[in-house]
Structures are given as C-alpha cells and as structure tokens.
C-alpha cells in the first residue's frame, strides 16, 4: 500500500482529502503545518507528498526547500495543493521543484489522477 503525506492547515479539508485518499486504498499521514510535515516526511519517507502553500509555522515553499536538500526525502514526488490559482503562482510552485500543482477547489478525480 502506497503512503501519502498530506500537509494542510485547514482541518476540514485535511480530513476530507485524507478520507478520499484512504477510500482509494492509500495509507495517509497528515500534518497541520509545514514544520510537522517535514518531520513526518523525514521519519516515514512517504511515497508522495501533497502540500498546501499558505500555512502557519512554515509554508509549502519552506517545506519543499528543506525536503529537497535532504537525501532521504529529495526524490519523493511533491504536489502543491493551493488556492493560489494565478499562472505566475503555479509557475513559481513548479520552479521550486514541485512535480504537480492542484488548485483548490478540486474534485476527487483530479486529486486521485
């Protein structure tokens, strides 16, 4: 079973997204902020990381920056999940090294694909 780390500060969105992923037979680890997410990623080395950008404590850009410098986590596929939908914001996310960028709101099919 593949493991996904979901880093999202909105409790309802975190819960609903985790349930969708679990229903699709993924093991889901969750974190409510970037600092917690980095610690979980280093400890558990998930198969994929889905991370919000705008969060307290540490934003998504900080998360990807730290994880890309760590040999244990630098090759984990990283997907930004954000309400920032402007083209330049998406480009910025990709320039930071994200493998994909999903904009909020999103549907289950878009998430699972």
PDB file of N, CA and C in Angstrom:
ATOM      1  N   UNK A   1       0.843  -1.181   0.000  1.00  0.00           N
ATOM      2  CA  UNK A   1       0.000   0.000   0.000  1.00  0.00           C
ATOM      3  C   UNK A   1       0.888   1.245   0.000  1.00  0.00           C
ATOM      4  N   UNK A   2       0.625   2.164  -0.902  1.00  0.00           N
ATOM      5  CA  UNK A   2       1.384   3.406  -1.010  1.00  0.00           C
ATOM      6  C   UNK A   2       0.968   4.368   0.102  1.00  0.00           C
ATOM      7  N   UNK A   3       1.932   5.141   0.578  1.00  0.00           N
ATOM      8  CA  UNK A   3       1.679   6.108   1.643  1.00  0.00           C
ATOM      9  C   UNK A   3       1.774   7.524   1.096  1.00  0.00           C
ATOM     10  N   UNK A   4       0.779   8.338   1.450  1.00  0.00           N
ATOM     11  CA  UNK A   4       0.749   9.741   1.051  1.00  0.00           C
ATOM     12  C   UNK A   4       0.793  10.599   2.308  1.00  0.00           C
ATOM     13  N   UNK A   5       1.654  11.596   2.295  1.00  0.00           N
ATOM     14  CA  UNK A   5       1.684  12.582   3.370  1.00  0.00           C
ATOM     15  C   UNK A   5       0.913  13.801   2.893  1.00  0.00           C
ATOM     16  N   UNK A   6      -0.112  14.177   3.627  1.00  0.00           N
ATOM     17  CA  UNK A   6      -0.940  15.339   3.316  1.00  0.00           C
ATOM     18  C   UNK A   6      -0.644  16.430   4.341  1.00  0.00           C
ATOM     19  N   UNK A   7      -0.106  17.552   3.870  1.00  0.00           N
ATOM     20  CA  UNK A   7       0.210  18.683   4.745  1.00  0.00           C
ATOM     21  C   UNK A   7      -0.764  19.806   4.406  1.00  0.00           C
ATOM     22  N   UNK A   8      -1.686  20.072   5.313  1.00  0.00           N
ATOM     23  CA  UNK A   8      -2.771  21.036   5.061  1.00  0.00           C
ATOM     24  C   UNK A   8      -3.230  21.608   6.391  1.00  0.00           C
ATOM     25  N   UNK A   9      -3.284  22.936   6.500  1.00  0.00           N
ATOM     26  CA  UNK A   9      -3.652  23.548   7.779  1.00  0.00           C
ATOM     27  C   UNK A   9      -5.160  23.607   8.017  1.00  0.00           C
ATOM     28  N   UNK A  10      -5.972  23.533   6.980  1.00  0.00           N
ATOM     29  CA  UNK A  10      -7.428  23.567   7.149  1.00  0.00           C
ATOM     30  C   UNK A  10      -7.907  22.180   7.584  1.00  0.00           C
ATOM     31  N   UNK A  11      -8.425  22.096   8.811  1.00  0.00           N
ATOM     32  CA  UNK A  11      -8.790  20.794   9.393  1.00  0.00           C
ATOM     33  C   UNK A  11      -9.839  20.057   8.568  1.00  0.00           C
ATOM     34  N   UNK A  12     -10.875  20.751   8.106  1.00  0.00           N
ATOM     35  CA  UNK A  12     -11.928  20.091   7.324  1.00  0.00           C
ATOM     36  C   UNK A  12     -11.400  19.572   6.000  1.00  0.00           C
ATOM     37  N   UNK A  13     -10.625  20.391   5.314  1.00  0.00           N
ATOM     38  CA  UNK A  13     -10.058  19.968   4.026  1.00  0.00           C
ATOM     39  C   UNK A  13      -9.077  18.813   4.232  1.00  0.00           C
ATOM     40  N   UNK A  14      -8.286  18.889   5.294  1.00  0.00           N
ATOM     41  CA  UNK A  14      -7.335  17.813   5.596  1.00  0.00           C
ATOM     42  C   UNK A  14      -8.072  16.499   5.837  1.00  0.00           C
ATOM     43  N   UNK A  15      -9.128  16.547   6.634  1.00  0.00           N
ATOM     44  CA  UNK A  15      -9.909  15.350   6.952  1.00  0.00           C
ATOM     45  C   UNK A  15     -10.586  14.783   5.706  1.00  0.00           C
ATOM     46  N   UNK A  16     -11.252  15.634   4.931  1.00  0.00           N
ATOM     47  CA  UNK A  16     -11.972  15.172   3.735  1.00  0.00           C
ATOM     48  C   UNK A  16     -11.023  14.620   2.676  1.00  0.00           C
ATOM     49  N   UNK A  17      -9.905  15.280   2.474  1.00  0.00           N
ATOM     50  CA  UNK A  17      -8.932  14.817   1.484  1.00  0.00           C
ATOM     51  C   UNK A  17      -8.314  13.491   1.924  1.00  0.00           C
ATOM     52  N   UNK A  18      -7.990  13.375   3.202  1.00  0.00           N
ATOM     53  CA  UNK A  18      -7.438  12.121   3.721  1.00  0.00           C
ATOM     54  C   UNK A  18      -8.434  10.980   3.535  1.00  0.00           C
ATOM     55  N   UNK A  19      -9.706  11.235   3.802  1.00  0.00           N
ATOM     56  CA  UNK A  19     -10.728  10.199   3.623  1.00  0.00           C
ATOM     57  C   UNK A  19     -10.830   9.761   2.168  1.00  0.00           C
ATOM     58  N   UNK A  20     -10.775  10.717   1.246  1.00  0.00           N
ATOM     59  CA  UNK A  20     -10.823  10.388  -0.179  1.00  0.00           C
ATOM     60  C   UNK A  20      -9.653   9.492  -0.563  1.00  0.00           C
ATOM     61  N   UNK A  21      -8.467   9.834  -0.093  1.00  0.00           N
ATOM     62  CA  UNK A  21      -7.274   9.046  -0.411  1.00  0.00           C
ATOM     63  C   UNK A  21      -7.318   7.664   0.235  1.00  0.00           C
ATOM     64  N   UNK A  22      -7.792   7.602   1.465  1.00  0.00           N
ATOM     65  CA  UNK A  22      -7.912   6.301   2.146  1.00  0.00           C
ATOM     66  C   UNK A  22      -8.925   5.407   1.441  1.00  0.00           C
ATOM     67  N   UNK A  23     -10.023   5.994   0.970  1.00  0.00           N
ATOM     68  CA  UNK A  23     -11.038   5.237   0.239  1.00  0.00           C
ATOM     69  C   UNK A  23     -10.453   4.654  -1.044  1.00  0.00           C
ATOM     70  N   UNK A  24      -9.435   5.321  -1.599  1.00  0.00           N
ATOM     71  CA  UNK A  24      -8.757   4.849  -2.812  1.00  0.00           C
ATOM     72  C   UNK A  24      -7.587   3.921  -2.467  1.00  0.00           C
ATOM     73  N   UNK A  25      -7.566   3.429  -1.237  1.00  0.00           N
ATOM     74  CA  UNK A  25      -6.567   2.445  -0.779  1.00  0.00           C
ATOM     75  C   UNK A  25      -5.155   2.990  -0.611  1.00  0.00           C
ATOM     76  N   UNK A  26      -5.044   4.226  -0.177  1.00  0.00           N
ATOM     77  CA  UNK A  26      -3.748   4.776   0.197  1.00  0.00           C
ATOM     78  C   UNK A  26      -3.687   4.868   1.712  1.00  0.00           C
ATOM     79  N   UNK A  27      -2.505   4.682   2.261  1.00  0.00           N
ATOM     80  CA  UNK A  27      -2.278   4.978   3.670  1.00  0.00           C
ATOM     81  C   UNK A  27      -1.976   6.471   3.711  1.00  0.00           C
ATOM     82  N   UNK A  28      -2.633   7.205   4.606  1.00  0.00           N
ATOM     83  CA  UNK A  28      -2.468   8.659   4.643  1.00  0.00           C
ATOM     84  C   UNK A  28      -1.921   9.106   5.994  1.00  0.00           C
ATOM     85  N   UNK A  29      -0.836   9.844   5.940  1.00  0.00           N
ATOM     86  CA  UNK A  29      -0.288  10.526   7.104  1.00  0.00           C
ATOM     87  C   UNK A  29      -0.662  11.996   6.955  1.00  0.00           C
ATOM     88  N   UNK A  30      -1.014  12.663   8.028  1.00  0.00           N
ATOM     89  CA  UNK A  30      -1.404  14.066   7.921  1.00  0.00           C
ATOM     90  C   UNK A  30      -0.583  14.948   8.848  1.00  0.00           C
ATOM     91  N   UNK A  31      -0.446  16.199   8.427  1.00  0.00           N
ATOM     92  CA  UNK A  31       0.233  17.224   9.229  1.00  0.00           C
ATOM     93  C   UNK A  31      -0.543  18.522   9.065  1.00  0.00           C
ATOM     94  N   UNK A  32      -0.632  19.293  10.151  1.00  0.00           N
ATOM     95  CA  UNK A  32      -1.407  20.531  10.090  1.00  0.00           C
ATOM     96  C   UNK A  32      -0.559  21.762   9.799  1.00  0.00           C
ATOM     97  N   UNK A  33       0.761  21.595   9.714  1.00  0.00           N
ATOM     98  CA  UNK A  33       1.619  22.712   9.320  1.00  0.00           C
ATOM     99  C   UNK A  33       2.904  22.170   8.698  1.00  0.00           C
ATOM    100  N   UNK A  34       3.659  23.064   8.096  1.00  0.00           N
ATOM    101  CA  UNK A  34       4.851  22.654   7.382  1.00  0.00           C
ATOM    102  C   UNK A  34       5.927  22.032   8.243  1.00  0.00           C
ATOM    103  N   UNK A  35       6.139  22.574   9.426  1.00  0.00           N
ATOM    104  CA  UNK A  35       7.186  22.036  10.305  1.00  0.00           C
ATOM    105  C   UNK A  35       6.867  20.591  10.681  1.00  0.00           C
ATOM    106  N   UNK A  36       5.611  20.344  11.041  1.00  0.00           N
ATOM    107  CA  UNK A  36       5.177  18.985  11.379  1.00  0.00           C
ATOM    108  C   UNK A  36       5.308  18.072  10.155  1.00  0.00           C
ATOM    109  N   UNK A  37       4.957  18.594   8.984  1.00  0.00           N
ATOM    110  CA  UNK A  37       5.046  17.815   7.754  1.00  0.00           C
ATOM    111  C   UNK A  37       6.461  17.396   7.415  1.00  0.00           C
ATOM    112  N   UNK A  38       7.407  18.305   7.595  1.00  0.00           N
ATOM    113  CA  UNK A  38       8.812  17.985   7.333  1.00  0.00           C
ATOM    114  C   UNK A  38       9.273  16.849   8.254  1.00  0.00           C
ATOM    115  N   UNK A  39       8.925  16.934   9.534  1.00  0.00           N
ATOM    116  CA  UNK A  39       9.328  15.902  10.489  1.00  0.00           C
ATOM    117  C   UNK A  39       8.742  14.543  10.108  1.00  0.00           C
ATOM    118  N   UNK A  40       7.474  14.521   9.712  1.00  0.00           N
ATOM    119  CA  UNK A  40       6.826  13.266   9.323  1.00  0.00           C
ATOM    120  C   UNK A  40       7.459  12.715   8.046  1.00  0.00           C
ATOM    121  N   UNK A  41       7.741  13.591   7.084  1.00  0.00           N
ATOM    122  CA  UNK A  41       8.347  13.151   5.822  1.00  0.00           C
ATOM    123  C   UNK A  41       9.707  12.505   6.063  1.00  0.00           C
ATOM    124  N   UNK A  42      10.512  13.117   6.913  1.00  0.00           N
ATOM    125  CA  UNK A  42      11.847  12.578   7.187  1.00  0.00           C
ATOM    126  C   UNK A  42      11.750  11.250   7.935  1.00  0.00           C
ATOM    127  N   UNK A  43      10.830  11.165   8.879  1.00  0.00           N
ATOM    128  CA  UNK A  43      10.695   9.944   9.679  1.00  0.00           C
ATOM    129  C   UNK A  43      10.084   8.785   8.895  1.00  0.00           C
ATOM    130  N   UNK A  44       9.041   9.058   8.112  1.00  0.00           N
ATOM    131  CA  UNK A  44       8.272   7.980   7.477  1.00  0.00           C
ATOM    132  C   UNK A  44       8.566   7.780   5.986  1.00  0.00           C
ATOM    133  N   UNK A  45       9.199   8.749   5.335  1.00  0.00           N
ATOM    134  CA  UNK A  45       9.530   8.684   3.912  1.00  0.00           C
ATOM    135  C   UNK A  45       8.334   8.175   3.082  1.00  0.00           C
ATOM    136  N   UNK A  46       7.281   9.005   2.968  1.00  0.00           N
ATOM    137  CA  UNK A  46       6.097   8.595   2.203  1.00  0.00           C
ATOM    138  C   UNK A  46       6.406   8.462   0.713  1.00  0.00           C
ATOM    139  N   UNK A  47       5.484   7.848  -0.019  1.00  0.00           N
ATOM    140  CA  UNK A  47       5.655   7.676  -1.467  1.00  0.00           C
ATOM    141  C   UNK A  47       5.363   8.958  -2.233  1.00  0.00           C
ATOM    142  N   UNK A  48       4.465   9.789  -1.679  1.00  0.00           N
ATOM    143  CA  UNK A  48       4.068  11.057  -2.303  1.00  0.00           C
ATOM    144  C   UNK A  48       3.760  12.052  -1.194  1.00  0.00           C
ATOM    145  N   UNK A  49       4.045  13.331  -1.452  1.00  0.00           N
ATOM    146  CA  UNK A  49       3.686  14.399  -0.520  1.00  0.00           C
ATOM    147  C   UNK A  49       2.757  15.364  -1.231  1.00  0.00           C
ATOM    148  N   UNK A  50       1.630  15.657  -0.606  1.00  0.00           N
ATOM    149  CA  UNK A  50       0.687  16.672  -1.094  1.00  0.00           C
ATOM    150  C   UNK A  50       0.698  17.778  -0.051  1.00  0.00           C
ATOM    151  N   UNK A  51       1.015  19.000  -0.476  1.00  0.00           N
ATOM    152  CA  UNK A  51       1.276  20.070   0.485  1.00  0.00           C
ATOM    153  C   UNK A  51       0.627  21.385   0.077  1.00  0.00           C
ATOM    154  N   UNK A  52      -0.094  21.992   1.020  1.00  0.00           N
ATOM    155  CA  UNK A  52      -0.635  23.335   0.843  1.00  0.00           C
ATOM    156  C   UNK A  52       0.530  24.317   0.790  1.00  0.00           C
ATOM    157  N   UNK A  53       0.290  25.503   0.262  1.00  0.00           N
ATOM    158  CA  UNK A  53       1.341  26.521   0.231  1.00  0.00           C
ATOM    159  C   UNK A  53       1.207  27.488   1.402  1.00  0.00           C
ATOM    160  N   UNK A  54       0.030  28.081   1.563  1.00  0.00           N
ATOM    161  CA  UNK A  54      -0.166  29.078   2.615  1.00  0.00           C
ATOM    162  C   UNK A  54      -0.551  28.406   3.924  1.00  0.00           C
ATOM    163  N   UNK A  55       0.418  28.321   4.848  1.00  0.00           N
ATOM    164  CA  UNK A  55       0.184  27.692   6.147  1.00  0.00           C
ATOM    165  C   UNK A  55       0.956  28.456   7.215  1.00  0.00           C
ATOM    166  N   UNK A  56       0.482  28.377   8.459  1.00  0.00           N
ATOM    167  CA  UNK A  56       1.259  28.972   9.550  1.00  0.00           C
ATOM    168  C   UNK A  56       2.479  28.110   9.863  1.00  0.00           C
ATOM    169  N   UNK A  57       3.377  28.623  10.639  1.00  0.00           N
ATOM    170  CA  UNK A  57       4.601  27.981  11.107  1.00  0.00           C
ATOM    171  C   UNK A  57       5.634  27.862   9.978  1.00  0.00           C
ATOM    172  N   UNK A  58       5.303  27.139   8.896  1.00  0.00           N
ATOM    173  CA  UNK A  58       6.191  27.033   7.736  1.00  0.00           C
ATOM    174  C   UNK A  58       5.317  26.831   6.508  1.00  0.00           C
ATOM    175  N   UNK A  59       5.532  27.644   5.473  1.00  0.00           N
ATOM    176  CA  UNK A  59       4.709  27.498   4.266  1.00  0.00           C
ATOM    177  C   UNK A  59       5.223  26.364   3.380  1.00  0.00           C
ATOM    178  N   UNK A  60       4.463  26.071   2.334  1.00  0.00           N
ATOM    179  CA  UNK A  60       4.803  24.972   1.444  1.00  0.00           C
ATOM    180  C   UNK A  60       6.136  25.140   0.736  1.00  0.00           C
ATOM    181  N   UNK A  61       6.503  26.393   0.441  1.00  0.00           N
ATOM    182  CA  UNK A  61       7.799  26.631  -0.201  1.00  0.00           C
ATOM    183  C   UNK A  61       8.943  26.254   0.741  1.00  0.00           C
ATOM    184  N   UNK A  62       8.775  26.549   2.025  1.00  0.00           N
ATOM    185  CA  UNK A  62       9.777  26.152   3.010  1.00  0.00           C
ATOM    186  C   UNK A  62       9.883  24.640   3.125  1.00  0.00           C
ATOM    187  N   UNK A  63       8.718  23.978   3.066  1.00  0.00           N
ATOM    188  CA  UNK A  63       8.688  22.515   3.153  1.00  0.00           C
ATOM    189  C   UNK A  63       9.467  21.892   2.005  1.00  0.00           C
ATOM    190  N   UNK A  64       9.137  22.283   0.778  1.00  0.00           N
ATOM    191  CA  UNK A  64       9.801  21.671  -0.377  1.00  0.00           C
ATOM    192  C   UNK A  64      11.295  22.006  -0.389  1.00  0.00           C
ATOM    193  N   UNK A  65      11.648  23.205   0.039  1.00  0.00           N
ATOM    194  CA  UNK A  65      13.051  23.612   0.074  1.00  0.00           C
ATOM    195  C   UNK A  65      13.853  22.716   1.018  1.00  0.00           C
ATOM    196  N   UNK A  66      13.326  22.459   2.210  1.00  0.00           N
ATOM    197  CA  UNK A  66      14.018  21.602   3.183  1.00  0.00           C
ATOM    198  C   UNK A  66      14.089  20.155   2.690  1.00  0.00           C
ATOM    199  N   UNK A  67      12.957  19.648   2.180  1.00  0.00           N
ATOM    200  CA  UNK A  67      12.921  18.240   1.770  1.00  0.00           C
ATOM    201  C   UNK A  67      13.805  17.963   0.565  1.00  0.00           C
ATOM    202  N   UNK A  68      13.954  18.934  -0.324  1.00  0.00           N
ATOM    203  CA  UNK A  68      14.813  18.726  -1.496  1.00  0.00           C
ATOM    204  C   UNK A  68      16.295  18.711  -1.130  1.00  0.00           C
ATOM    205  N   UNK A  69      16.650  19.284   0.011  1.00  0.00           N
ATOM    206  CA  UNK A  69      18.052  19.293   0.445  1.00  0.00           C
ATOM    207  C   UNK A  69      18.416  18.052   1.259  1.00  0.00           C
ATOM    208  N   UNK A  70      17.420  17.262   1.630  1.00  0.00           N
ATOM    209  CA  UNK A  70      17.648  16.080   2.453  1.00  0.00           C
ATOM    210  C   UNK A  70      17.712  14.844   1.544  1.00  0.00           C
ATOM    211  N   UNK A  71      18.828  14.109   1.545  1.00  0.00           N
ATOM    212  CA  UNK A  71      18.954  12.927   0.677  1.00  0.00           C
ATOM    213  C   UNK A  71      17.850  11.888   0.913  1.00  0.00           C
ATOM    214  N   UNK A  72      17.318  11.838   2.122  1.00  0.00           N
ATOM    215  CA  UNK A  72      16.265  10.864   2.447  1.00  0.00           C
ATOM    216  C   UNK A  72      14.925  11.218   1.793  1.00  0.00           C
ATOM    217  N   UNK A  73      14.696  12.493   1.527  1.00  0.00           N
ATOM    218  CA  UNK A  73      13.378  12.924   1.027  1.00  0.00           C
ATOM    219  C   UNK A  73      13.411  13.613  -0.334  1.00  0.00           C
ATOM    220  N   UNK A  74      14.572  13.876  -0.872  1.00  0.00           N
ATOM    221  CA  UNK A  74      14.659  14.704  -2.077  1.00  0.00           C
ATOM    222  C   UNK A  74      14.039  14.076  -3.326  1.00  0.00           C
ATOM    223  N   UNK A  75      13.845  12.775  -3.338  1.00  0.00           N
ATOM    224  CA  UNK A  75      13.283  12.132  -4.531  1.00  0.00           C
ATOM    225  C   UNK A  75      11.799  11.793  -4.393  1.00  0.00           C
ATOM    226  N   UNK A  76      11.185  12.201  -3.290  1.00  0.00           N
ATOM    227  CA  UNK A  76       9.757  11.925  -3.095  1.00  0.00           C
ATOM    228  C   UNK A  76       8.946  12.872  -3.980  1.00  0.00           C
ATOM    229  N   UNK A  77       8.041  12.339  -4.814  1.00  0.00           N
ATOM    230  CA  UNK A  77       7.194  13.220  -5.623  1.00  0.00           C
ATOM    231  C   UNK A  77       6.419  14.195  -4.727  1.00  0.00           C
ATOM    232  N   UNK A  78       6.372  15.457  -5.144  1.00  0.00           N
ATOM    233  CA  UNK A  78       5.813  16.538  -4.335  1.00  0.00           C
ATOM    234  C   UNK A  78       4.756  17.278  -5.136  1.00  0.00           C
ATOM    235  N   UNK A  79       3.560  17.386  -4.578  1.00  0.00           N
ATOM    236  CA  UNK A  79       2.446  18.055  -5.251  1.00  0.00           C
ATOM    237  C   UNK A  79       1.962  19.205  -4.377  1.00  0.00           C
ATOM    238  N   UNK A  80       1.955  20.416  -4.942  1.00  0.00           N
ATOM    239  CA  UNK A  80       1.366  21.539  -4.221  1.00  0.00           C
ATOM    240  C   UNK A  80      -0.147  21.494  -4.385  1.00  0.00           C
ATOM    241  N   UNK A  81      -0.844  21.841  -3.317  1.00  0.00           N
ATOM    242  CA  UNK A  81      -2.302  21.927  -3.288  1.00  0.00           C
ATOM    243  C   UNK A  81      -2.599  23.330  -2.780  1.00  0.00           C
ATOM    244  N   UNK A  82      -3.155  24.193  -3.640  1.00  0.00           N
ATOM    245  CA  UNK A  82      -3.256  25.587  -3.212  1.00  0.00           C
ATOM    246  C   UNK A  82      -4.441  26.314  -3.811  1.00  0.00           C
ATOM    247  N   UNK A  83      -4.902  27.318  -3.088  1.00  0.00           N
ATOM    248  CA  UNK A  83      -5.936  28.216  -3.598  1.00  0.00           C
ATOM    249  C   UNK A  83      -5.316  29.268  -4.513  1.00  0.00           C
ATOM    250  N   UNK A  84      -4.007  29.326  -4.574  1.00  0.00           N
ATOM    251  CA  UNK A  84      -3.317  30.282  -5.445  1.00  0.00           C
ATOM    252  C   UNK A  84      -3.410  29.765  -6.884  1.00  0.00           C
ATOM    253  N   UNK A  85      -4.283  30.373  -7.669  1.00  0.00           N
ATOM    254  CA  UNK A  85      -4.571  29.851  -8.998  1.00  0.00           C
ATOM    255  C   UNK A  85      -3.964  30.671 -10.142  1.00  0.00           C
ATOM    256  N   UNK A  86      -3.311  31.786  -9.826  1.00  0.00           N
ATOM    257  CA  UNK A  86      -2.744  32.617 -10.880  1.00  0.00           C
ATOM    258  C   UNK A  86      -1.595  31.878 -11.562  1.00  0.00           C
ATOM    259  N   UNK A  87      -1.460  32.095 -12.844  1.00  0.00           N
ATOM    260  CA  UNK A  87      -0.443  31.408 -13.643  1.00  0.00           C
ATOM    261  C   UNK A  87       0.963  31.570 -13.047  1.00  0.00           C
ATOM    262  N   UNK A  88       1.297  32.792 -12.610  1.00  0.00           N
ATOM    263  CA  UNK A  88       2.640  33.005 -12.065  1.00  0.00           C
ATOM    264  C   UNK A  88       2.841  32.262 -10.742  1.00  0.00           C
ATOM    265  N   UNK A  89       1.779  32.064  -9.973  1.00  0.00           N
ATOM    266  CA  UNK A  89       1.884  31.299  -8.725  1.00  0.00           C
ATOM    267  C   UNK A  89       2.128  29.813  -9.029  1.00  0.00           C
ATOM    268  N   UNK A  90       1.415  29.295 -10.024  1.00  0.00           N
ATOM    269  CA  UNK A  90       1.609  27.898 -10.427  1.00  0.00           C
ATOM    270  C   UNK A  90       3.036  27.707 -10.940  1.00  0.00           C
ATOM    271  N   UNK A  91       3.488  28.643 -11.759  1.00  0.00           N
ATOM    272  CA  UNK A  91       4.857  28.587 -12.296  1.00  0.00           C
ATOM    273  C   UNK A  91       5.866  28.615 -11.148  1.00  0.00           C
ATOM    274  N   UNK A  92       5.632  29.472 -10.149  1.00  0.00           N
ATOM    275  CA  UNK A  92       6.539  29.564  -9.002  1.00  0.00           C
ATOM    276  C   UNK A  92       6.620  28.215  -8.281  1.00  0.00           C
ATOM    277  N   UNK A  93       5.472  27.583  -8.089  1.00  0.00           N
ATOM    278  CA  UNK A  93       5.450  26.274  -7.442  1.00  0.00           C
ATOM    279  C   UNK A  93       6.256  25.244  -8.206  1.00  0.00           C
ATOM    280  N   UNK A  94       6.129  25.264  -9.517  1.00  0.00           N
ATOM    281  CA  UNK A  94       6.862  24.317 -10.350  1.00  0.00           C
ATOM    282  C   UNK A  94       8.365  24.641 -10.332  1.00  0.00           C
ATOM    283  N   UNK A  95       8.699  25.921 -10.300  1.00  0.00           N
ATOM    284  CA  UNK A  95      10.112  26.305 -10.247  1.00  0.00           C
ATOM    285  C   UNK A  95      10.766  25.880  -8.932  1.00  0.00           C
ATOM    286  N   UNK A  96       9.980  25.791  -7.878  1.00  0.00           N
ATOM    287  CA  UNK A  96      10.507  25.301  -6.600  1.00  0.00           C
ATOM    288  C   UNK A  96      10.784  23.803  -6.651  1.00  0.00           C
ATOM    289  N   UNK A  97      10.290  23.141  -7.681  1.00  0.00           N
ATOM    290  CA  UNK A  97      10.581  21.725  -7.850  1.00  0.00           C
ATOM    291  C   UNK A  97       9.394  20.798  -7.675  1.00  0.00           C
ATOM    292  N   UNK A  98       8.185  21.355  -7.560  1.00  0.00           N
ATOM    293  CA  UNK A  98       7.003  20.505  -7.416  1.00  0.00           C
ATOM    294  C   UNK A  98       6.799  19.678  -8.684  1.00  0.00           C
ATOM    295  N   UNK A  99       6.293  18.469  -8.505  1.00  0.00           N
ATOM    296  CA  UNK A  99       6.003  17.592  -9.639  1.00  0.00           C
ATOM    297  C   UNK A  99       4.639  17.897 -10.242  1.00  0.00           C
ATOM    298  N   UNK A 100       3.754  18.487  -9.446  1.00  0.00           N
ATOM    299  CA  UNK A 100       2.430  18.863  -9.928  1.00  0.00           C
ATOM    300  C   UNK A 100       1.877  19.951  -9.027  1.00  0.00           C
ATOM    301  N   UNK A 101       0.747  20.536  -9.451  1.00  0.00           N
ATOM    302  CA  UNK A 101       0.137  21.657  -8.737  1.00  0.00           C
ATOM    303  C   UNK A 101      -1.366  21.519  -8.923  1.00  0.00           C
ATOM    304  N   UNK A 102      -2.072  21.274  -7.830  1.00  0.00           N
ATOM    305  CA  UNK A 102      -3.534  21.144  -7.878  1.00  0.00           C
ATOM    306  C   UNK A 102      -4.123  22.385  -7.237  1.00  0.00           C
ATOM    307  N   UNK A 103      -5.066  23.014  -7.929  1.00  0.00           N
ATOM    308  CA  UNK A 103      -5.680  24.213  -7.388  1.00  0.00           C
ATOM    309  C   UNK A 103      -6.985  23.889  -6.664  1.00  0.00           C
ATOM    310  N   UNK A 104      -7.226  24.616  -5.583  1.00  0.00           N
ATOM    311  CA  UNK A 104      -8.469  24.496  -4.814  1.00  0.00           C
ATOM    312  C   UNK A 104      -9.502  25.425  -5.433  1.00  0.00           C
ATOM    313  N   UNK A 105     -10.749  25.057  -5.479  1.00  0.00           N
ATOM    314  CA  UNK A 105     -11.256  23.743  -5.093  1.00  0.00           C
ATOM    315  C   UNK A 105     -10.927  22.700  -6.161  1.00  0.00           C
ATOM    316  N   UNK A 106     -10.889  21.453  -5.752  1.00  0.00           N
ATOM    317  CA  UNK A 106     -10.588  20.357  -6.670  1.00  0.00           C
ATOM    318  C   UNK A 106     -11.599  19.245  -6.418  1.00  0.00           C
ATOM    319  N   UNK A 107     -11.724  18.341  -7.388  1.00  0.00           N
ATOM    320  CA  UNK A 107     -12.634  17.200  -7.187  1.00  0.00           C
ATOM    321  C   UNK A 107     -11.807  15.932  -6.941  1.00  0.00           C
ATOM    322  N   UNK A 108     -12.492  14.885  -6.513  1.00  0.00           N
ATOM    323  CA  UNK A 108     -11.799  13.643  -6.164  1.00  0.00           C
ATOM    324  C   UNK A 108     -11.025  13.070  -7.340  1.00  0.00           C
ATOM    325  N   UNK A 109     -11.597  13.129  -8.533  1.00  0.00           N
ATOM    326  CA  UNK A 109     -10.936  12.583  -9.718  1.00  0.00           C
ATOM    327  C   UNK A 109      -9.626  13.321  -9.987  1.00  0.00           C
ATOM    328  N   UNK A 110      -9.670  14.630  -9.890  1.00  0.00           N
ATOM    329  CA  UNK A 110      -8.468  15.445 -10.112  1.00  0.00           C
ATOM    330  C   UNK A 110      -7.385  15.096  -9.086  1.00  0.00           C
ATOM    331  N   UNK A 111      -7.778  14.929  -7.845  1.00  0.00           N
ATOM    332  CA  UNK A 111      -6.842  14.565  -6.787  1.00  0.00           C
ATOM    333  C   UNK A 111      -6.219  13.202  -7.033  1.00  0.00           C
ATOM    334  N   UNK A 112      -7.028  12.224  -7.333  1.00  0.00           N
ATOM    335  CA  UNK A 112      -6.532  10.857  -7.498  1.00  0.00           C
ATOM    336  C   UNK A 112      -5.701  10.681  -8.763  1.00  0.00           C
ATOM    337  N   UNK A 113      -5.975  11.463  -9.773  1.00  0.00           N
ATOM    338  CA  UNK A 113      -5.189  11.383 -11.001  1.00  0.00           C
ATOM    339  C   UNK A 113      -3.795  11.922 -10.749  1.00  0.00           C
TER     340      UNK A 113
END
